[in-house]
């Protein structure tokens, strides 16, 4: 009888898990290019695809918020590996970011040596076009955005006018369609005089002009985001405490581009990396607790971002539409990310069966 009860409970748990409505997810990434280039964006895209394989998310689009053309190709490689060539890809097409911005070696490795339908950003529409088209097609208040790079795309979206896709302005479209925005950016409760990279784009050899563009975009977004949208900030101090990705060398085959990107970046196998972006994306889909974090509950107020420098500070005040994450268990968070990264893509299982 006891065994029967256990089986029934497990089955009930599976039914409840599968009955949850999948999160409609858009990923906004700098994917190895520009002033904040890293490999954790790869982990975030692979994790998002794994969550989609599980039925926990619907990956609506992936958009690039930096300028290097090959970065869109790397996004396409990762989506292709998971059998999602149909997922729209967009790229920032503003003229205020240098087209000669640096990008990491794994970007070239992936785009040159793995199959994909797209090789560079000249083959994709602007991120604003993708955002507006995808958002217009979704139910009201249903979309979650995981922002894991510069805020250039979101600034351009919020300032976009009505068009043939939607009679709503960008800000109106976001207010109507977006339920939550989860942002890897800033430091909490304050960055002091050293801004976090996604808010300033000011590291890794970034030009002064590119940094000014990134900072201005951050300041614009958080002073214009509609109050209907819940904003959850995941700060620098959270992701730097969590390690993930090293297990890919032993749990994934050599044909896995996510594995190869980590090996390229780290200079060898079995090495993990800070987990700013995959943690942010895991929270966007599963919630803070599933990532061994919690939403700060005693910090009513709002995040103020200086559009000239990218510095941020949490300003206490009345309860608002935003809060920030607090980390509970770094090891458990890293293990949750690695479990998804090591998960075999459904597309590969289908091919073998």
Protein backbone atom coordinates (compact mmCIF):
# COMPACT_ATOMS: atom_id res chain seq x y z
CA UNK A 1 0.00 0.00 0.00
CA UNK A 2 2.82 2.37 0.88
CA UNK A 3 4.46 1.81 -2.53
CA UNK A 4 1.13 2.51 -4.23
CA UNK A 5 0.77 5.80 -2.38
CA UNK A 6 4.29 6.83 -3.39
CA UNK A 7 3.57 6.07 -7.04
CA UNK A 8 0.28 7.99 -6.89
CA UNK A 9 2.01 10.99 -5.33
CA UNK A 10 4.70 10.94 -7.99
CA UNK A 11 2.12 10.75 -10.74
CA UNK A 12 0.16 13.61 -9.20
CA UNK A 13 3.37 15.64 -9.06
CA UNK A 14 4.02 14.99 -12.75
CA UNK A 15 0.46 16.00 -13.66
CA UNK A 16 0.75 19.22 -11.66
CA UNK A 17 4.13 20.02 -13.23
CA UNK A 18 2.92 19.42 -16.75
CA UNK A 19 -0.32 21.29 -16.12
CA UNK A 20 1.48 24.56 -15.48
CA UNK A 21 1.24 27.07 -18.28
CA UNK A 22 4.60 27.35 -20.04
CA UNK A 23 6.32 30.72 -19.67
CA UNK A 24 6.30 32.72 -22.91
CA UNK A 25 9.94 33.74 -22.99
CA UNK A 26 11.99 36.25 -24.98
CA UNK A 27 15.75 36.22 -24.43
CA UNK A 28 17.62 39.51 -24.97
CA UNK A 29 21.35 38.73 -25.08
CA UNK A 30 24.76 40.20 -25.89
CA UNK A 31 26.02 36.65 -26.74
CA UNK A 32 29.79 37.01 -26.62
CA UNK A 33 30.15 40.45 -28.20
CA UNK A 34 30.61 44.02 -27.05
CA UNK A 35 31.77 45.46 -23.76
CA UNK A 36 30.27 42.72 -21.57
CA UNK A 37 31.16 39.67 -23.64
CA UNK A 38 31.20 36.38 -21.75
CA UNK A 39 30.19 32.74 -22.15
CA UNK A 40 27.33 32.72 -19.66
CA UNK A 41 24.97 33.93 -22.42
CA UNK A 42 25.55 30.57 -24.12
CA UNK A 43 24.50 28.82 -20.92
CA UNK A 44 21.37 30.99 -20.77
CA UNK A 45 20.32 30.18 -24.35
CA UNK A 46 20.99 26.45 -23.90
CA UNK A 47 19.13 26.47 -20.58
CA UNK A 48 16.17 28.28 -22.16
CA UNK A 49 16.01 25.63 -24.88
CA UNK A 50 16.18 22.85 -22.30
CA UNK A 51 13.30 24.44 -20.39
CA UNK A 52 11.36 24.61 -23.66
CA UNK A 53 12.10 20.91 -24.22
CA UNK A 54 10.56 20.25 -20.79
CA UNK A 55 7.41 22.15 -21.67
CA UNK A 56 8.24 24.77 -19.02
CA UNK A 57 8.78 27.57 -21.53
CA UNK A 58 7.90 28.61 -25.05
CA UNK A 59 10.93 30.31 -26.56
CA UNK A 60 9.32 33.12 -28.54
CA UNK A 61 12.45 34.88 -29.79
CA UNK A 62 16.13 35.54 -29.12
CA UNK A 63 17.41 39.04 -29.84
CA UNK A 64 20.98 40.36 -29.87
CA UNK A 65 21.56 43.69 -28.12
CA UNK A 66 25.13 44.28 -29.33
CA UNK A 67 26.64 45.02 -32.74
CA UNK A 68 29.14 42.31 -33.85
CA UNK A 69 27.57 40.61 -36.90
CA UNK A 70 28.68 37.00 -36.17
CA UNK A 71 26.91 36.94 -32.79
CA UNK A 72 23.56 36.30 -34.48
CA UNK A 73 25.15 33.26 -36.07
CA UNK A 74 26.11 31.87 -32.66
CA UNK A 75 22.51 32.26 -31.49
CA UNK A 76 21.32 30.39 -34.57
CA UNK A 77 23.79 27.54 -33.95
CA UNK A 78 22.51 27.03 -30.40
CA UNK A 79 18.85 27.09 -31.40
CA UNK A 80 19.59 24.72 -34.30
CA UNK A 81 21.22 22.22 -31.93
CA UNK A 82 17.96 22.07 -30.00
CA UNK A 83 15.88 21.82 -33.16
CA UNK A 84 14.48 25.37 -32.98
CA UNK A 85 15.43 27.01 -36.25
CA UNK A 86 11.92 28.47 -36.34
CA UNK A 87 12.55 30.73 -33.32
CA UNK A 88 12.88 34.32 -34.59
CA UNK A 89 16.26 36.00 -34.15
CA UNK A 90 16.73 39.75 -34.25
CA UNK A 91 19.72 42.05 -33.85
CA UNK A 92 20.22 45.63 -32.73
CA UNK A 93 20.39 47.76 -35.87
CA UNK A 94 20.98 51.17 -34.33
CA UNK A 95 23.90 53.18 -35.66
CA UNK A 96 25.13 54.26 -32.21
CA UNK A 97 27.06 51.04 -31.49
CA UNK A 98 30.32 50.39 -33.31
CA UNK A 99 30.09 47.59 -35.93
CA UNK A 100 33.74 46.83 -35.11
CA UNK A 101 33.08 45.90 -31.47
CA UNK A 102 35.08 42.93 -30.23
CA UNK A 103 33.66 39.44 -29.86
CA UNK A 104 34.93 36.19 -28.34
CA UNK A 105 36.56 33.30 -30.18
CA UNK A 106 33.70 30.91 -29.44
CA UNK A 107 31.40 33.09 -31.55
CA UNK A 108 33.51 32.44 -34.62
CA UNK A 109 34.01 28.76 -33.74
CA UNK A 110 30.28 28.15 -33.45
CA UNK A 111 29.19 30.16 -36.49
CA UNK A 112 31.94 28.65 -38.69
CA UNK A 113 31.86 25.02 -37.56
CA UNK A 114 28.30 24.16 -36.49
CA UNK A 115 25.16 23.98 -38.64
CA UNK A 116 22.80 26.93 -38.57
CA UNK A 117 20.38 28.74 -40.83
CA UNK A 118 21.85 32.15 -39.98
CA UNK A 119 25.51 33.17 -39.97
CA UNK A 120 25.42 36.90 -39.20
CA UNK A 121 23.13 39.77 -38.30
CA UNK A 122 22.70 40.89 -41.94
CA UNK A 123 20.38 37.88 -42.31
CA UNK A 124 18.00 38.85 -39.51
CA UNK A 125 15.58 41.74 -38.96
CA UNK A 126 16.05 44.38 -36.30
CA UNK A 127 15.32 43.38 -32.73
CA UNK A 128 12.60 46.03 -32.57
CA UNK A 129 10.84 44.46 -35.55
CA UNK A 130 11.04 41.01 -33.94
CA UNK A 131 9.91 42.31 -30.56
CA UNK A 132 6.91 44.16 -31.99
CA UNK A 133 5.79 41.27 -34.19
CA UNK A 134 6.17 38.63 -31.50
CA UNK A 135 4.59 40.71 -28.73
CA UNK A 136 1.61 41.67 -30.89
CA UNK A 137 0.83 37.98 -31.41
CA UNK A 138 0.77 37.08 -27.69
CA UNK A 139 -2.08 37.15 -25.16
CA UNK A 140 -2.19 40.22 -22.94
CA UNK A 141 0.14 40.24 -19.92
CA UNK A 142 1.66 36.87 -20.84
CA UNK A 143 5.30 37.46 -21.88
CA UNK A 144 8.43 37.27 -19.75
CA UNK A 145 11.65 38.89 -20.97
CA UNK A 146 15.03 37.73 -19.68
CA UNK A 147 17.40 40.65 -20.26
CA UNK A 148 21.01 39.42 -20.12
CA UNK A 149 23.00 42.15 -21.82
CA UNK A 150 22.78 45.78 -22.81
CA UNK A 151 19.40 47.53 -22.65
CA UNK A 152 19.71 48.88 -26.21
CA UNK A 153 16.97 46.70 -27.68
CA UNK A 154 14.51 47.49 -24.93
CA UNK A 155 15.18 51.22 -25.15
CA UNK A 156 14.56 51.08 -28.90
CA UNK A 157 11.40 49.04 -28.40
CA UNK A 158 9.96 51.39 -25.76
CA UNK A 159 10.57 54.41 -28.00
CA UNK A 160 9.21 52.77 -31.16
CA UNK A 161 6.09 54.28 -32.81
CA UNK A 162 2.95 52.47 -33.98
CA UNK A 163 3.40 50.61 -37.26
CA UNK A 164 1.72 48.09 -39.57
CA UNK A 165 2.29 45.35 -36.98
CA UNK A 166 0.47 47.12 -34.15
CA UNK A 167 -1.33 50.44 -33.64
CA UNK A 168 0.30 50.62 -30.21
CA UNK A 169 3.48 52.48 -29.43
CA UNK A 170 6.36 50.42 -28.05
CA UNK A 171 5.62 51.46 -24.48
CA UNK A 172 1.92 50.66 -24.94
CA UNK A 173 2.76 47.29 -26.48
CA UNK A 174 5.03 46.39 -23.56
CA UNK A 175 2.38 47.48 -21.05
CA UNK A 176 -0.24 45.36 -22.83
CA UNK A 177 1.76 42.20 -23.50
CA UNK A 178 4.63 41.89 -21.02
CA UNK A 179 3.98 40.47 -17.57
CA UNK A 180 7.52 40.55 -16.22
CA UNK A 181 11.03 41.70 -17.05
CA UNK A 182 13.87 39.86 -15.32
CA UNK A 183 17.09 41.85 -15.64
CA UNK A 184 20.67 40.74 -15.09
CA UNK A 185 22.10 44.15 -14.35
CA UNK A 186 23.27 46.42 -11.57
CA UNK A 187 24.50 45.74 -8.04
CA UNK A 188 22.23 45.78 -4.99
CA UNK A 189 21.52 47.78 -3.04
CA UNK A 190 23.99 50.04 -4.88
CA UNK A 191 26.78 49.91 -7.45
CA UNK A 192 28.60 52.79 -5.79
CA UNK A 193 31.03 54.33 -8.27
CA UNK A 194 31.68 51.08 -10.18
CA UNK A 195 28.78 50.35 -12.53
CA UNK A 196 27.80 46.81 -13.49
CA UNK A 197 28.66 46.06 -17.10
CA UNK A 198 25.20 45.46 -18.57
CA UNK A 199 24.13 48.92 -17.39
CA UNK A 200 27.21 50.68 -18.80
CA UNK A 201 28.73 48.44 -21.48
CA UNK A 202 32.02 49.90 -20.37
CA UNK A 203 34.49 47.03 -20.07
CA UNK A 204 36.48 44.70 -22.37
CA UNK A 205 37.83 47.51 -24.52
CA UNK A 206 34.48 49.17 -25.22
CA UNK A 207 34.69 52.58 -26.86
CA UNK A 208 33.57 55.69 -25.02
CA UNK A 209 30.75 56.12 -27.56
CA UNK A 210 29.51 52.54 -27.06
CA UNK A 211 29.59 52.96 -23.28
CA UNK A 212 27.63 56.19 -23.56
CA UNK A 213 25.02 54.42 -25.71
CA UNK A 214 24.71 51.52 -23.26
CA UNK A 215 24.42 53.78 -20.20
CA UNK A 216 21.85 56.02 -21.87
CA UNK A 217 19.78 52.97 -22.85
CA UNK A 218 19.77 51.70 -19.26
CA UNK A 219 18.71 55.06 -17.90
CA UNK A 220 15.95 55.33 -20.49
CA UNK A 221 14.50 51.86 -19.94
CA UNK A 222 14.12 52.12 -16.20
CA UNK A 223 12.60 55.57 -16.35
CA UNK A 224 10.12 54.61 -19.10
CA UNK A 225 9.15 51.01 -18.37
CA UNK A 226 5.36 50.86 -17.86
CA UNK A 227 4.26 50.33 -14.23
CA UNK A 228 2.14 47.36 -15.33
CA UNK A 229 5.32 45.31 -15.85
CA UNK A 230 6.91 43.57 -12.87
CA UNK A 231 10.70 44.06 -12.84
CA UNK A 232 13.03 41.71 -11.00
CA UNK A 233 16.73 42.59 -10.90
CA UNK A 234 19.44 39.96 -10.59
CA UNK A 235 22.59 41.75 -9.51
CA UNK A 236 26.28 41.20 -10.18
CA UNK A 237 26.71 39.94 -6.63
CA UNK A 238 24.29 37.06 -7.25
CA UNK A 239 25.70 35.53 -10.44
CA UNK A 240 29.35 35.87 -9.45
CA UNK A 241 28.71 33.58 -6.47
CA UNK A 242 27.28 30.77 -8.64
CA UNK A 243 29.36 28.47 -10.84
CA UNK A 244 28.05 26.38 -13.74
CA UNK A 245 28.95 24.96 -17.14
CA UNK A 246 32.04 22.92 -16.32
CA UNK A 247 30.05 19.68 -16.18
CA UNK A 248 29.27 20.01 -19.88
CA UNK A 249 32.72 18.59 -20.66
CA UNK A 250 31.74 15.25 -19.11
CA UNK A 251 27.95 15.13 -19.50
CA UNK A 252 27.59 16.35 -23.11
CA UNK A 253 29.01 15.00 -26.39
CA UNK A 254 31.66 16.81 -28.42
CA UNK A 255 28.92 17.66 -30.94
CA UNK A 256 27.28 19.95 -28.35
CA UNK A 257 28.09 23.61 -29.21
CA UNK A 258 27.26 24.75 -25.67
CA UNK A 259 30.04 22.46 -24.42
CA UNK A 260 32.47 23.75 -27.04
CA UNK A 261 31.78 27.41 -26.23
CA UNK A 262 32.75 26.81 -22.60
CA UNK A 263 35.93 24.97 -23.59
CA UNK A 264 36.85 27.78 -26.00
CA UNK A 265 36.22 30.48 -23.42
CA UNK A 266 37.91 28.75 -20.47
CA UNK A 267 40.85 27.40 -22.48
CA UNK A 268 40.13 23.77 -21.66
CA UNK A 269 37.51 21.26 -20.47
CA UNK A 270 35.86 20.89 -17.08
CA UNK A 271 35.96 24.55 -16.08
CA UNK A 272 32.89 26.37 -14.85
CA UNK A 273 32.04 30.04 -15.16
CA UNK A 274 30.12 32.67 -13.21
CA UNK A 275 26.39 32.26 -13.82
CA UNK A 276 24.86 35.71 -14.13
CA UNK A 277 22.82 35.01 -17.28
CA UNK A 278 21.65 31.40 -16.86
CA UNK A 279 20.59 32.18 -13.29
CA UNK A 280 18.59 35.17 -14.52
CA UNK A 281 16.89 33.04 -17.16
CA UNK A 282 16.17 30.20 -14.75
CA UNK A 283 14.47 32.68 -12.42
CA UNK A 284 12.50 34.12 -15.35
CA UNK A 285 10.97 30.71 -16.05
CA UNK A 286 10.87 28.80 -12.77
CA UNK A 287 10.86 31.63 -10.25
CA UNK A 288 13.34 32.71 -7.60
CA UNK A 289 12.96 29.75 -5.25
CA UNK A 290 13.80 27.20 -7.97
CA UNK A 291 17.11 29.02 -8.45
CA UNK A 292 17.83 28.95 -4.70
CA UNK A 293 17.11 32.68 -4.50
CA UNK A 294 14.38 34.84 -3.03
CA UNK A 295 12.84 38.15 -3.97
CA UNK A 296 13.81 40.82 -1.48
CA UNK A 297 10.75 41.46 0.70
CA UNK A 298 11.95 44.25 3.00
CA UNK A 299 13.20 46.64 0.35
CA UNK A 300 10.25 48.61 -0.98
CA UNK A 301 11.43 51.22 -3.41
CA UNK A 302 12.83 51.40 -6.91
CA UNK A 303 16.05 51.12 -8.87
CA UNK A 304 17.51 54.37 -10.16
CA UNK A 305 20.00 54.10 -13.00
CA UNK A 306 22.20 57.02 -14.04
CA UNK A 307 21.95 57.35 -17.81
CA UNK A 308 25.34 59.06 -17.95
CA UNK A 309 27.37 56.39 -16.12
CA UNK A 310 25.25 53.25 -15.72
CA UNK A 311 25.60 53.42 -11.94
CA UNK A 312 22.54 52.22 -10.04
CA UNK A 313 21.17 52.68 -6.55
CA UNK A 314 18.14 51.21 -4.82
CA UNK A 315 16.07 54.09 -3.49
CA UNK A 316 13.80 53.14 -0.56
CA UNK A 317 10.21 54.28 -0.92
CA UNK A 318 6.71 53.09 -1.50
CA UNK A 319 6.10 49.57 -2.79
CA UNK A 320 6.59 49.58 -6.55
CA UNK A 321 6.57 47.20 -9.49
CA UNK A 322 10.14 46.07 -8.85
CA UNK A 323 12.47 44.30 -6.48
CA UNK A 324 15.79 42.45 -6.56
CA UNK A 325 17.06 38.94 -5.91
CA UNK A 326 18.79 37.64 -2.81
CA UNK A 327 20.85 34.44 -3.11
CA UNK A 328 20.13 31.60 -0.69
CA UNK A 329 22.33 28.70 -1.81
CA UNK A 330 24.98 29.18 -4.48
CA UNK A 331 25.83 25.47 -4.83
CA UNK A 332 22.22 24.43 -5.29
CA UNK A 333 21.70 27.20 -7.84
CA UNK A 334 24.70 26.03 -9.86
CA UNK A 335 23.51 22.42 -9.73
CA UNK A 336 20.06 23.41 -11.02
CA UNK A 337 21.67 25.19 -13.99
CA UNK A 338 24.03 22.30 -14.75
CA UNK A 339 21.20 19.79 -14.66
CA UNK A 340 19.48 21.65 -17.48
CA UNK A 341 22.69 22.17 -19.45
CA UNK A 342 23.42 18.43 -19.27
CA UNK A 343 19.93 17.50 -20.41
CA UNK A 344 19.96 15.88 -23.86
CA UNK A 345 18.00 17.92 -26.42
CA UNK A 346 14.68 16.38 -27.42
CA UNK A 347 15.59 16.94 -31.07
CA UNK A 348 18.63 14.68 -30.68
CA UNK A 349 16.62 11.98 -28.89
CA UNK A 350 14.04 12.01 -31.67
CA UNK A 351 16.73 11.56 -34.33
CA UNK A 352 18.17 8.51 -32.58
CA UNK A 353 14.85 6.79 -31.90
